[in-house]
């Protein structure tokens, strides 16, 4: 009996060592870069072009994936980011039964064709993915563009799920927000900020 338990324990130990070694030495940065360019190729077919200067992976078992010098161009403008980092949250994902990751943003700018630009200094939020919906919680973005709150984007049906976002932006973007308010639950507050709000029963 003891010999059998030792044998099972030895096998389990070897499997744990093998799994740990796989996670530690897995080429996370190379795989992420490959996935990025595959996705960028698909997005280019829709007129969205993405470029990245460098892909990094920091950490051992659950690494943080960082994209440096990220640039995304669309027919109406472009977004430039010095750094975007994604840190998966496996325990939180298990508890909430969805994929969850913490996303941090470095300094960046949004530029629209026509000369309008605004930037932000830093940002952080929790991104969640489950079938049919994307969620962005505990959002805090600071700078010319300031955003705070949470929102949920539905891939089927109404565009937004449960949402409560406070958005502050330069006045030159008011016409853009006014146009967007015709398509989404967006209103201007007395203080001049914009609020995206939708409650789901």
N, C-alpha and C. Protein backbone atom coordinates (compact mmCIF):
# COMPACT_ATOMS: atom_id res chain seq x y z
N UNK A 1 0.83 -1.20 0.00
CA UNK A 1 0.00 0.00 0.00
C UNK A 1 0.87 1.25 0.00
N UNK A 2 1.88 1.27 0.88
CA UNK A 2 2.76 2.44 0.94
C UNK A 2 3.52 2.61 -0.37
N UNK A 3 3.94 1.46 -0.94
CA UNK A 3 4.66 1.54 -2.21
C UNK A 3 3.78 2.13 -3.30
N UNK A 4 2.50 1.72 -3.32
CA UNK A 4 1.56 2.25 -4.32
C UNK A 4 1.36 3.75 -4.13
N UNK A 5 1.23 4.21 -2.87
CA UNK A 5 1.04 5.64 -2.60
C UNK A 5 2.28 6.43 -3.01
N UNK A 6 3.47 5.85 -2.76
CA UNK A 6 4.71 6.53 -3.17
C UNK A 6 4.78 6.64 -4.68
N UNK A 7 4.34 5.58 -5.34
CA UNK A 7 4.37 5.59 -6.81
C UNK A 7 3.43 6.66 -7.36
N UNK A 8 2.20 6.73 -6.83
CA UNK A 8 1.23 7.73 -7.27
C UNK A 8 1.74 9.14 -6.95
N UNK A 9 2.32 9.31 -5.74
CA UNK A 9 2.85 10.62 -5.37
C UNK A 9 3.99 11.05 -6.29
N UNK A 10 4.85 10.07 -6.65
CA UNK A 10 5.95 10.40 -7.55
C UNK A 10 5.45 10.84 -8.92
N UNK A 11 4.44 10.12 -9.45
CA UNK A 11 3.87 10.48 -10.75
C UNK A 11 3.24 11.87 -10.69
N UNK A 12 2.49 12.14 -9.60
CA UNK A 12 1.84 13.45 -9.46
C UNK A 12 2.89 14.55 -9.37
N UNK A 13 3.99 14.27 -8.64
CA UNK A 13 5.06 15.26 -8.53
C UNK A 13 5.69 15.56 -9.87
N UNK A 14 5.93 14.52 -10.66
CA UNK A 14 6.51 14.72 -11.98
C UNK A 14 5.58 15.53 -12.89
N UNK A 15 4.28 15.25 -12.80
CA UNK A 15 3.32 15.99 -13.61
C UNK A 15 3.29 17.47 -13.21
N UNK A 16 3.37 17.74 -11.90
CA UNK A 16 3.39 19.13 -11.43
C UNK A 16 4.64 19.85 -11.93
N UNK A 17 5.78 19.17 -11.85
CA UNK A 17 7.04 19.76 -12.32
C UNK A 17 6.95 20.03 -13.82
N UNK A 18 6.39 19.07 -14.57
CA UNK A 18 6.27 19.24 -16.02
C UNK A 18 5.35 20.42 -16.37
N UNK A 19 4.21 20.52 -15.62
CA UNK A 19 3.28 21.61 -15.88
C UNK A 19 3.91 22.96 -15.54
N UNK A 20 4.60 23.02 -14.41
CA UNK A 20 5.25 24.27 -14.00
C UNK A 20 6.31 24.68 -15.02
N UNK A 21 7.09 23.71 -15.47
CA UNK A 21 8.14 24.00 -16.45
C UNK A 21 7.53 24.49 -17.76
N UNK A 22 6.41 23.88 -18.16
CA UNK A 22 5.74 24.31 -19.39
C UNK A 22 5.29 25.75 -19.29
N UNK A 23 4.67 26.12 -18.14
CA UNK A 23 4.18 27.49 -17.96
C UNK A 23 5.33 28.49 -17.89
N UNK A 24 6.42 28.10 -17.21
CA UNK A 24 7.55 29.02 -17.03
C UNK A 24 8.26 29.28 -18.36
N UNK A 25 8.45 28.23 -19.14
CA UNK A 25 9.24 28.38 -20.37
C UNK A 25 8.39 28.55 -21.63
N UNK A 26 7.08 28.63 -21.46
CA UNK A 26 6.22 28.84 -22.63
C UNK A 26 6.52 30.21 -23.25
N UNK A 27 6.65 30.29 -24.56
CA UNK A 27 7.00 31.57 -25.21
C UNK A 27 5.79 32.51 -25.33
N UNK A 28 5.36 33.05 -24.17
CA UNK A 28 4.16 33.87 -24.15
C UNK A 28 4.25 35.07 -25.09
N UNK A 29 5.38 35.77 -25.08
CA UNK A 29 5.52 36.97 -25.91
C UNK A 29 5.41 36.62 -27.40
N UNK A 30 6.06 35.55 -27.80
CA UNK A 30 6.04 35.17 -29.22
C UNK A 30 4.65 34.75 -29.67
N UNK A 31 3.96 33.99 -28.80
CA UNK A 31 2.60 33.55 -29.15
C UNK A 31 1.65 34.74 -29.20
N UNK A 32 1.80 35.69 -28.25
CA UNK A 32 0.95 36.89 -28.26
C UNK A 32 1.19 37.72 -29.50
N UNK A 33 2.45 37.87 -29.88
CA UNK A 33 2.77 38.64 -31.09
C UNK A 33 2.16 38.00 -32.32
N UNK A 34 2.24 36.67 -32.39
CA UNK A 34 1.65 35.95 -33.52
C UNK A 34 0.13 36.16 -33.55
N UNK A 35 -0.52 36.04 -32.37
CA UNK A 35 -1.97 36.23 -32.30
C UNK A 35 -2.34 37.67 -32.66
N UNK A 36 -1.53 38.64 -32.23
CA UNK A 36 -1.80 40.04 -32.54
C UNK A 36 -1.81 40.27 -34.05
N UNK A 37 -0.81 39.77 -34.74
CA UNK A 37 -0.73 40.02 -36.18
C UNK A 37 -1.77 39.21 -36.96
N UNK A 38 -2.17 38.05 -36.42
CA UNK A 38 -3.27 37.34 -37.05
C UNK A 38 -4.56 38.15 -36.94
N UNK A 39 -4.81 38.69 -35.73
CA UNK A 39 -5.98 39.51 -35.52
C UNK A 39 -5.92 40.80 -36.32
N UNK A 40 -4.73 41.39 -36.41
CA UNK A 40 -4.56 42.63 -37.18
C UNK A 40 -4.85 42.38 -38.66
N UNK A 41 -4.46 41.22 -39.15
CA UNK A 41 -4.74 40.89 -40.54
C UNK A 41 -6.23 40.80 -40.82
N UNK A 42 -6.96 40.21 -39.86
CA UNK A 42 -8.42 40.11 -40.01
C UNK A 42 -9.07 41.49 -39.93
N UNK A 43 -8.59 42.33 -38.97
CA UNK A 43 -9.15 43.67 -38.81
C UNK A 43 -8.89 44.54 -40.04
N UNK A 44 -7.74 44.33 -40.69
CA UNK A 44 -7.41 45.13 -41.88
C UNK A 44 -8.43 44.94 -42.98
N UNK A 45 -9.06 43.77 -43.04
CA UNK A 45 -10.09 43.53 -44.05
C UNK A 45 -11.31 44.43 -43.82
N UNK A 46 -11.46 44.93 -42.59
CA UNK A 46 -12.57 45.82 -42.25
C UNK A 46 -12.13 47.29 -42.21
N UNK A 47 -10.91 47.57 -42.65
CA UNK A 47 -10.43 48.94 -42.68
C UNK A 47 -9.83 49.41 -41.37
N UNK A 48 -9.48 48.49 -40.47
CA UNK A 48 -8.85 48.83 -39.19
C UNK A 48 -7.42 48.27 -39.21
N UNK A 49 -6.44 49.14 -39.03
CA UNK A 49 -5.05 48.73 -39.15
C UNK A 49 -4.34 48.91 -37.80
N UNK A 50 -3.70 47.86 -37.32
CA UNK A 50 -3.04 47.88 -36.01
C UNK A 50 -1.57 47.55 -36.16
N UNK A 51 -0.74 48.28 -35.41
CA UNK A 51 0.70 48.05 -35.40
C UNK A 51 1.18 48.05 -33.95
N UNK A 52 2.24 47.31 -33.68
CA UNK A 52 2.82 47.30 -32.34
C UNK A 52 4.33 47.31 -32.47
N UNK A 53 4.99 48.07 -31.59
CA UNK A 53 6.44 48.15 -31.66
C UNK A 53 7.13 46.98 -30.99
N UNK A 54 6.58 46.53 -29.85
CA UNK A 54 7.22 45.45 -29.11
C UNK A 54 6.19 44.74 -28.24
N UNK A 55 6.34 43.41 -28.12
CA UNK A 55 5.49 42.60 -27.25
C UNK A 55 6.35 42.01 -26.15
N UNK A 56 5.93 42.17 -24.89
CA UNK A 56 6.70 41.68 -23.75
C UNK A 56 5.83 40.77 -22.90
N UNK A 57 6.47 39.83 -22.21
CA UNK A 57 5.80 38.97 -21.23
C UNK A 57 6.61 39.00 -19.95
N UNK A 58 5.99 39.45 -18.86
CA UNK A 58 6.67 39.55 -17.57
C UNK A 58 5.95 38.70 -16.56
N UNK A 59 6.71 37.89 -15.80
CA UNK A 59 6.11 36.99 -14.83
C UNK A 59 6.32 35.55 -15.26
N UNK A 60 6.04 34.61 -14.35
CA UNK A 60 6.29 33.21 -14.63
C UNK A 60 5.02 32.45 -14.98
N UNK A 61 4.26 32.01 -13.96
CA UNK A 61 3.12 31.14 -14.22
C UNK A 61 1.99 31.87 -14.93
N UNK A 62 1.63 33.06 -14.44
CA UNK A 62 0.58 33.87 -15.09
C UNK A 62 1.20 35.20 -15.49
N UNK A 63 1.81 35.27 -16.65
CA UNK A 63 2.56 36.48 -17.03
C UNK A 63 1.66 37.65 -17.40
N UNK A 64 2.20 38.84 -17.25
CA UNK A 64 1.56 40.05 -17.75
C UNK A 64 2.06 40.28 -19.18
N UNK A 65 1.12 40.44 -20.10
CA UNK A 65 1.46 40.67 -21.49
C UNK A 65 1.37 42.17 -21.77
N UNK A 66 2.43 42.74 -22.29
CA UNK A 66 2.46 44.18 -22.55
C UNK A 66 2.74 44.45 -24.02
N UNK A 67 1.99 45.39 -24.58
CA UNK A 67 2.21 45.86 -25.95
C UNK A 67 2.73 47.28 -25.88
N UNK A 68 3.87 47.54 -26.49
CA UNK A 68 4.46 48.87 -26.49
C UNK A 68 4.34 49.51 -27.88
N UNK A 69 4.19 50.84 -27.88
CA UNK A 69 4.06 51.60 -29.12
C UNK A 69 2.94 51.03 -29.99
N UNK A 70 1.75 50.95 -29.39
CA UNK A 70 0.58 50.42 -30.09
C UNK A 70 -0.10 51.54 -30.87
N UNK A 71 -0.48 51.25 -32.08
CA UNK A 71 -1.16 52.23 -32.94
C UNK A 71 -2.27 51.54 -33.70
N UNK A 72 -3.48 52.10 -33.61
CA UNK A 72 -4.63 51.55 -34.31
C UNK A 72 -5.24 52.65 -35.17
N UNK A 73 -5.33 52.41 -36.48
CA UNK A 73 -5.88 53.40 -37.41
C UNK A 73 -7.20 52.89 -37.99
N UNK A 74 -8.18 53.80 -38.05
CA UNK A 74 -9.49 53.49 -38.62
C UNK A 74 -9.82 54.56 -39.65
N UNK A 75 -10.91 54.41 -40.39
CA UNK A 75 -11.27 55.44 -41.38
C UNK A 75 -11.55 56.81 -40.78
N UNK A 76 -11.84 56.90 -39.47
CA UNK A 76 -12.18 58.19 -38.88
C UNK A 76 -11.08 58.77 -37.99
N UNK A 77 -10.03 58.01 -37.73
CA UNK A 77 -8.96 58.53 -36.87
C UNK A 77 -8.06 57.41 -36.38
N UNK A 78 -7.27 57.72 -35.36
CA UNK A 78 -6.35 56.72 -34.84
C UNK A 78 -6.14 56.86 -33.34
N UNK A 79 -5.73 55.77 -32.72
CA UNK A 79 -5.39 55.72 -31.30
C UNK A 79 -3.92 55.33 -31.19
N UNK A 80 -3.16 56.08 -30.36
CA UNK A 80 -1.76 55.75 -30.12
C UNK A 80 -1.54 55.55 -28.62
N UNK A 81 -0.90 54.47 -28.27
CA UNK A 81 -0.66 54.12 -26.87
C UNK A 81 0.81 53.80 -26.66
N UNK A 82 1.41 54.39 -25.64
CA UNK A 82 2.80 54.03 -25.33
C UNK A 82 2.89 52.60 -24.82
N UNK A 83 1.89 52.21 -23.99
CA UNK A 83 1.94 50.86 -23.42
C UNK A 83 0.54 50.41 -23.02
N UNK A 84 0.21 49.17 -23.35
CA UNK A 84 -1.02 48.53 -22.91
C UNK A 84 -0.64 47.18 -22.32
N UNK A 85 -1.03 46.92 -21.09
CA UNK A 85 -0.66 45.67 -20.43
C UNK A 85 -1.91 44.91 -19.99
N UNK A 86 -1.89 43.60 -20.17
CA UNK A 86 -3.00 42.73 -19.79
C UNK A 86 -2.48 41.70 -18.80
N UNK A 87 -3.10 41.68 -17.61
CA UNK A 87 -2.71 40.74 -16.56
C UNK A 87 -3.89 39.83 -16.25
N UNK A 88 -3.87 38.57 -16.73
CA UNK A 88 -5.00 37.65 -16.48
C UNK A 88 -5.22 37.42 -14.99
N UNK A 89 -6.49 37.22 -14.62
CA UNK A 89 -6.87 36.95 -13.24
C UNK A 89 -7.55 35.58 -13.17
N UNK A 90 -6.76 34.49 -13.07
CA UNK A 90 -7.35 33.14 -13.13
C UNK A 90 -8.30 32.83 -11.98
N UNK A 91 -7.97 33.25 -10.75
CA UNK A 91 -8.84 32.96 -9.61
C UNK A 91 -10.17 33.69 -9.74
N UNK A 92 -10.11 34.97 -10.11
CA UNK A 92 -11.33 35.75 -10.31
C UNK A 92 -12.15 35.19 -11.47
N UNK A 93 -11.47 34.70 -12.49
CA UNK A 93 -12.16 34.09 -13.62
C UNK A 93 -12.95 32.86 -13.19
N UNK A 94 -12.34 32.04 -12.32
CA UNK A 94 -13.03 30.85 -11.82
C UNK A 94 -14.23 31.23 -10.97
N UNK A 95 -14.06 32.23 -10.10
CA UNK A 95 -15.15 32.64 -9.22
C UNK A 95 -16.31 33.23 -9.99
N UNK A 96 -16.02 34.01 -11.03
CA UNK A 96 -17.07 34.68 -11.79
C UNK A 96 -17.52 33.89 -13.03
N UNK A 97 -16.84 32.79 -13.30
CA UNK A 97 -17.16 31.92 -14.44
C UNK A 97 -17.15 32.69 -15.76
N UNK A 98 -16.09 33.46 -15.92
CA UNK A 98 -15.85 34.19 -17.16
C UNK A 98 -14.36 34.52 -17.20
N UNK A 99 -13.85 34.90 -18.35
CA UNK A 99 -12.45 35.30 -18.46
C UNK A 99 -12.30 36.74 -17.96
N UNK A 100 -11.39 36.96 -17.00
CA UNK A 100 -11.20 38.28 -16.42
C UNK A 100 -9.72 38.64 -16.47
N UNK A 101 -9.42 39.87 -16.82
CA UNK A 101 -8.03 40.36 -16.84
C UNK A 101 -8.01 41.83 -16.44
N UNK A 102 -6.94 42.22 -15.77
CA UNK A 102 -6.74 43.63 -15.46
C UNK A 102 -5.96 44.27 -16.60
N UNK A 103 -6.46 45.39 -17.08
CA UNK A 103 -5.82 46.09 -18.19
C UNK A 103 -5.33 47.45 -17.71
N UNK A 104 -4.07 47.75 -17.95
CA UNK A 104 -3.53 49.06 -17.60
C UNK A 104 -3.09 49.78 -18.87
N UNK A 105 -3.34 51.07 -18.90
CA UNK A 105 -3.00 51.90 -20.06
C UNK A 105 -1.93 52.90 -19.68
N UNK A 106 -0.94 53.04 -20.54
CA UNK A 106 0.03 54.11 -20.39
C UNK A 106 -0.49 55.35 -21.10
N UNK A 107 0.33 56.39 -21.20
CA UNK A 107 -0.10 57.60 -21.90
C UNK A 107 -0.49 57.30 -23.35
N UNK A 108 -1.52 58.01 -23.82
CA UNK A 108 -1.97 57.78 -25.19
C UNK A 108 -2.77 58.95 -25.71
N UNK A 109 -3.09 58.89 -27.00
CA UNK A 109 -3.85 59.96 -27.63
C UNK A 109 -4.85 59.37 -28.63
N UNK A 110 -5.97 60.07 -28.71
CA UNK A 110 -6.98 59.78 -29.73
C UNK A 110 -7.00 60.95 -30.69
N UNK A 111 -6.77 60.69 -31.97
CA UNK A 111 -6.75 61.74 -32.98
C UNK A 111 -7.79 61.42 -34.05
N UNK A 112 -8.69 62.37 -34.30
CA UNK A 112 -9.69 62.21 -35.34
C UNK A 112 -9.29 63.03 -36.56
N UNK A 113 -9.61 62.52 -37.74
CA UNK A 113 -9.31 63.27 -38.96
C UNK A 113 -10.11 64.57 -38.93
N UNK A 114 -9.42 65.67 -39.19
CA UNK A 114 -10.02 66.98 -39.05
C UNK A 114 -9.30 67.80 -38.01
N UNK A 115 -8.33 67.19 -37.32
CA UNK A 115 -7.49 67.94 -36.40
C UNK A 115 -7.83 67.85 -34.93
N UNK A 116 -8.96 67.21 -34.55
CA UNK A 116 -9.32 67.12 -33.15
C UNK A 116 -8.54 66.00 -32.46
N UNK A 117 -7.93 66.33 -31.31
CA UNK A 117 -7.15 65.35 -30.56
C UNK A 117 -7.40 65.51 -29.07
N UNK A 118 -7.28 64.42 -28.33
CA UNK A 118 -7.26 64.45 -26.88
C UNK A 118 -6.46 63.27 -26.38
N UNK A 119 -5.91 63.42 -25.18
CA UNK A 119 -5.05 62.37 -24.65
C UNK A 119 -5.43 61.99 -23.23
N UNK A 120 -4.75 60.98 -22.73
CA UNK A 120 -4.92 60.56 -21.33
C UNK A 120 -3.53 60.24 -20.78
N UNK A 121 -3.41 60.30 -19.46
CA UNK A 121 -2.12 60.06 -18.80
C UNK A 121 -1.94 58.60 -18.43
N UNK A 122 -2.99 57.98 -17.91
CA UNK A 122 -2.92 56.58 -17.51
C UNK A 122 -4.34 56.07 -17.30
N UNK A 123 -4.47 54.77 -17.18
CA UNK A 123 -5.79 54.19 -16.97
C UNK A 123 -5.70 52.75 -16.51
N UNK A 124 -6.79 52.28 -15.92
CA UNK A 124 -6.85 50.89 -15.47
C UNK A 124 -8.31 50.45 -15.44
N UNK A 125 -8.58 49.19 -15.77
CA UNK A 125 -9.93 48.64 -15.66
C UNK A 125 -9.86 47.12 -15.68
N UNK A 126 -10.96 46.49 -15.27
CA UNK A 126 -11.09 45.04 -15.34
C UNK A 126 -11.91 44.69 -16.57
N UNK A 127 -11.35 43.88 -17.43
CA UNK A 127 -12.05 43.44 -18.63
C UNK A 127 -12.56 42.01 -18.43
N UNK A 128 -13.81 41.79 -18.78
CA UNK A 128 -14.40 40.46 -18.64
C UNK A 128 -15.00 39.99 -19.95
N UNK A 129 -14.88 38.70 -20.22
CA UNK A 129 -15.41 38.13 -21.46
C UNK A 129 -16.24 36.90 -21.10
N UNK A 130 -17.46 36.89 -21.60
CA UNK A 130 -18.30 35.71 -21.51
C UNK A 130 -19.12 35.63 -22.78
N UNK A 131 -19.72 34.48 -23.10
CA UNK A 131 -20.45 34.37 -24.37
C UNK A 131 -21.47 35.49 -24.56
N UNK A 132 -21.33 36.22 -25.66
CA UNK A 132 -22.30 37.23 -26.02
C UNK A 132 -22.10 38.60 -25.40
N UNK A 133 -21.07 38.78 -24.54
CA UNK A 133 -20.90 40.09 -23.92
C UNK A 133 -19.47 40.35 -23.46
N UNK A 134 -19.14 41.63 -23.46
CA UNK A 134 -17.86 42.11 -22.94
C UNK A 134 -18.16 43.10 -21.82
N UNK A 135 -17.39 43.06 -20.75
CA UNK A 135 -17.62 44.00 -19.65
C UNK A 135 -16.33 44.72 -19.31
N UNK A 136 -16.49 45.98 -18.86
CA UNK A 136 -15.36 46.81 -18.46
C UNK A 136 -15.74 47.45 -17.13
N UNK A 137 -15.09 46.99 -16.05
CA UNK A 137 -15.46 47.45 -14.72
C UNK A 137 -14.34 48.17 -14.01
N UNK A 138 -14.70 48.87 -12.94
CA UNK A 138 -13.73 49.63 -12.14
C UNK A 138 -12.83 50.48 -13.02
N UNK A 139 -13.41 51.12 -14.01
CA UNK A 139 -12.63 51.89 -14.99
C UNK A 139 -12.23 53.25 -14.42
N UNK A 140 -10.94 53.56 -14.53
CA UNK A 140 -10.43 54.86 -14.10
C UNK A 140 -9.37 55.30 -15.11
N UNK A 141 -9.74 56.26 -15.95
CA UNK A 141 -8.82 56.83 -16.94
C UNK A 141 -8.68 58.31 -16.62
N UNK A 142 -7.44 58.80 -16.56
CA UNK A 142 -7.18 60.18 -16.16
C UNK A 142 -6.45 60.92 -17.26
N UNK A 143 -6.80 62.21 -17.43
CA UNK A 143 -6.15 63.05 -18.41
C UNK A 143 -7.17 63.98 -19.05
N UNK A 144 -6.86 64.49 -20.24
CA UNK A 144 -7.84 65.29 -20.99
C UNK A 144 -9.11 64.48 -21.17
N UNK A 145 -8.94 63.23 -21.54
CA UNK A 145 -10.05 62.28 -21.56
C UNK A 145 -10.06 61.57 -20.22
N UNK A 146 -11.13 61.72 -19.47
CA UNK A 146 -11.26 61.08 -18.16
C UNK A 146 -12.53 60.25 -18.16
N UNK A 147 -12.40 59.01 -17.72
CA UNK A 147 -13.53 58.08 -17.71
C UNK A 147 -13.55 57.35 -16.38
N UNK A 148 -14.73 57.20 -15.81
CA UNK A 148 -14.85 56.47 -14.55
C UNK A 148 -16.18 55.73 -14.52
N UNK A 149 -16.14 54.47 -14.05
CA UNK A 149 -17.37 53.70 -13.92
C UNK A 149 -17.26 52.32 -14.54
N UNK A 150 -18.37 51.83 -15.08
CA UNK A 150 -18.39 50.50 -15.67
C UNK A 150 -19.39 50.46 -16.82
N UNK A 151 -19.18 49.53 -17.72
CA UNK A 151 -20.12 49.33 -18.83
C UNK A 151 -20.04 47.90 -19.33
N UNK A 152 -21.09 47.49 -20.00
CA UNK A 152 -21.16 46.15 -20.57
C UNK A 152 -21.64 46.26 -22.00
N UNK A 153 -20.92 45.64 -22.90
CA UNK A 153 -21.27 45.68 -24.33
C UNK A 153 -21.83 44.32 -24.73
N UNK A 154 -23.03 44.34 -25.28
CA UNK A 154 -23.69 43.11 -25.70
C UNK A 154 -23.45 42.88 -27.18
N UNK A 155 -23.05 41.68 -27.53
CA UNK A 155 -22.77 41.35 -28.92
C UNK A 155 -24.04 41.01 -29.70
N UNK A 156 -25.11 40.70 -28.98
CA UNK A 156 -26.42 40.43 -29.60
C UNK A 156 -27.46 41.28 -28.88
N UNK A 157 -28.45 41.75 -29.60
CA UNK A 157 -29.51 42.53 -28.96
C UNK A 157 -29.09 43.97 -28.76
N UNK A 158 -29.57 44.63 -27.65
CA UNK A 158 -29.19 46.03 -27.39
C UNK A 158 -27.67 46.16 -27.29
N UNK A 159 -27.17 47.32 -27.67
CA UNK A 159 -25.72 47.50 -27.72
C UNK A 159 -25.08 47.49 -26.33
N UNK A 160 -25.79 48.07 -25.35
CA UNK A 160 -25.24 48.18 -24.01
C UNK A 160 -26.07 47.42 -23.00
N UNK A 161 -25.34 46.78 -22.03
CA UNK A 161 -26.00 46.18 -20.89
C UNK A 161 -25.92 47.16 -19.73
N UNK A 162 -25.77 46.64 -18.52
CA UNK A 162 -25.68 47.48 -17.33
C UNK A 162 -24.48 48.43 -17.45
N UNK A 163 -24.75 49.74 -17.39
CA UNK A 163 -23.69 50.72 -17.60
C UNK A 163 -23.90 51.95 -16.73
N UNK A 164 -22.78 52.51 -16.27
CA UNK A 164 -22.79 53.79 -15.55
C UNK A 164 -21.40 54.38 -15.70
N UNK A 165 -21.22 55.19 -16.73
CA UNK A 165 -19.91 55.77 -17.06
C UNK A 165 -19.99 57.29 -17.02
N UNK A 166 -19.02 57.90 -16.35
CA UNK A 166 -18.86 59.35 -16.37
C UNK A 166 -17.69 59.68 -17.30
N UNK A 167 -17.92 60.54 -18.29
CA UNK A 167 -16.90 60.83 -19.31
C UNK A 167 -16.67 62.33 -19.37
N UNK A 168 -15.40 62.72 -19.30
CA UNK A 168 -15.03 64.13 -19.44
C UNK A 168 -14.06 64.26 -20.60
N UNK A 169 -14.33 65.22 -21.49
CA UNK A 169 -13.50 65.40 -22.69
C UNK A 169 -13.49 66.87 -23.07
N UNK A 170 -12.50 67.31 -23.85
CA UNK A 170 -12.47 68.71 -24.31
C UNK A 170 -13.74 69.09 -25.06
N UNK A 171 -14.10 70.39 -24.97
CA UNK A 171 -15.34 70.87 -25.58
C UNK A 171 -15.39 70.64 -27.09
N UNK A 172 -14.22 70.60 -27.73
CA UNK A 172 -14.22 70.43 -29.19
C UNK A 172 -14.80 69.08 -29.61
N UNK A 173 -14.99 68.16 -28.65
CA UNK A 173 -15.56 66.86 -28.96
C UNK A 173 -17.06 66.80 -28.67
N UNK A 174 -17.66 67.93 -28.27
CA UNK A 174 -19.07 67.93 -27.93
C UNK A 174 -19.96 67.49 -29.08
N UNK A 175 -19.64 67.94 -30.28
CA UNK A 175 -20.47 67.56 -31.44
C UNK A 175 -20.42 66.05 -31.67
N UNK A 176 -19.27 65.45 -31.40
CA UNK A 176 -19.14 64.00 -31.55
C UNK A 176 -20.02 63.27 -30.53
N UNK A 177 -20.00 63.75 -29.27
CA UNK A 177 -20.83 63.14 -28.25
C UNK A 177 -22.32 63.36 -28.53
N UNK A 178 -22.66 64.53 -29.05
CA UNK A 178 -24.06 64.80 -29.38
C UNK A 178 -24.56 63.85 -30.46
N UNK A 179 -23.72 63.58 -31.44
CA UNK A 179 -24.10 62.63 -32.49
C UNK A 179 -24.22 61.22 -31.91
N UNK A 180 -23.29 60.85 -31.02
CA UNK A 180 -23.33 59.52 -30.41
C UNK A 180 -24.57 59.35 -29.53
N UNK A 181 -25.02 60.45 -28.90
CA UNK A 181 -26.19 60.38 -28.02
C UNK A 181 -27.46 59.99 -28.77
N UNK A 182 -27.44 60.12 -30.10
CA UNK A 182 -28.61 59.73 -30.88
C UNK A 182 -28.68 58.22 -31.06
N UNK A 183 -27.57 57.53 -30.77
CA UNK A 183 -27.51 56.09 -30.99
C UNK A 183 -27.34 55.30 -29.70
N UNK A 184 -27.07 55.95 -28.59
CA UNK A 184 -26.80 55.25 -27.34
C UNK A 184 -27.31 56.06 -26.14
N UNK A 185 -27.44 55.44 -24.98
CA UNK A 185 -27.97 56.14 -23.79
C UNK A 185 -26.95 57.10 -23.17
N UNK A 186 -26.67 58.17 -23.89
CA UNK A 186 -25.64 59.13 -23.49
C UNK A 186 -26.28 60.50 -23.29
N UNK A 187 -26.05 61.11 -22.14
CA UNK A 187 -26.61 62.43 -21.85
C UNK A 187 -25.54 63.33 -21.27
N UNK A 188 -25.75 64.64 -21.44
CA UNK A 188 -24.80 65.61 -20.89
C UNK A 188 -25.30 66.07 -19.52
N UNK A 189 -24.38 66.14 -18.55
CA UNK A 189 -24.75 66.55 -17.21
C UNK A 189 -24.67 68.07 -17.09
N UNK A 190 -25.18 68.60 -15.97
CA UNK A 190 -25.14 70.04 -15.74
C UNK A 190 -23.72 70.58 -15.65
N UNK A 191 -22.78 69.71 -15.23
CA UNK A 191 -21.39 70.15 -15.10
C UNK A 191 -20.63 70.11 -16.42
N UNK A 192 -21.30 69.68 -17.51
CA UNK A 192 -20.65 69.64 -18.82
C UNK A 192 -20.03 68.31 -19.17
N UNK A 193 -20.09 67.34 -18.26
CA UNK A 193 -19.57 66.01 -18.55
C UNK A 193 -20.66 65.19 -19.25
N UNK A 194 -20.27 64.01 -19.69
CA UNK A 194 -21.21 63.12 -20.36
C UNK A 194 -21.39 61.85 -19.53
N UNK A 195 -22.60 61.34 -19.53
CA UNK A 195 -22.90 60.15 -18.74
C UNK A 195 -23.56 59.10 -19.62
N UNK A 196 -22.95 57.93 -19.65
CA UNK A 196 -23.53 56.76 -20.34
C UNK A 196 -24.16 55.89 -19.28
N UNK A 197 -25.48 55.74 -19.34
CA UNK A 197 -26.16 55.03 -18.26
C UNK A 197 -27.28 54.15 -18.81
N UNK A 198 -27.28 52.91 -18.38
CA UNK A 198 -28.36 52.00 -18.71
C UNK A 198 -28.48 50.97 -17.60
N UNK A 199 -29.70 50.81 -17.09
CA UNK A 199 -29.94 49.84 -16.02
C UNK A 199 -30.78 48.70 -16.56
N UNK A 200 -30.39 47.50 -16.22
CA UNK A 200 -31.08 46.30 -16.69
C UNK A 200 -31.76 45.64 -15.50
N UNK A 201 -33.04 45.40 -15.62
CA UNK A 201 -33.80 44.76 -14.53
C UNK A 201 -33.42 43.28 -14.43
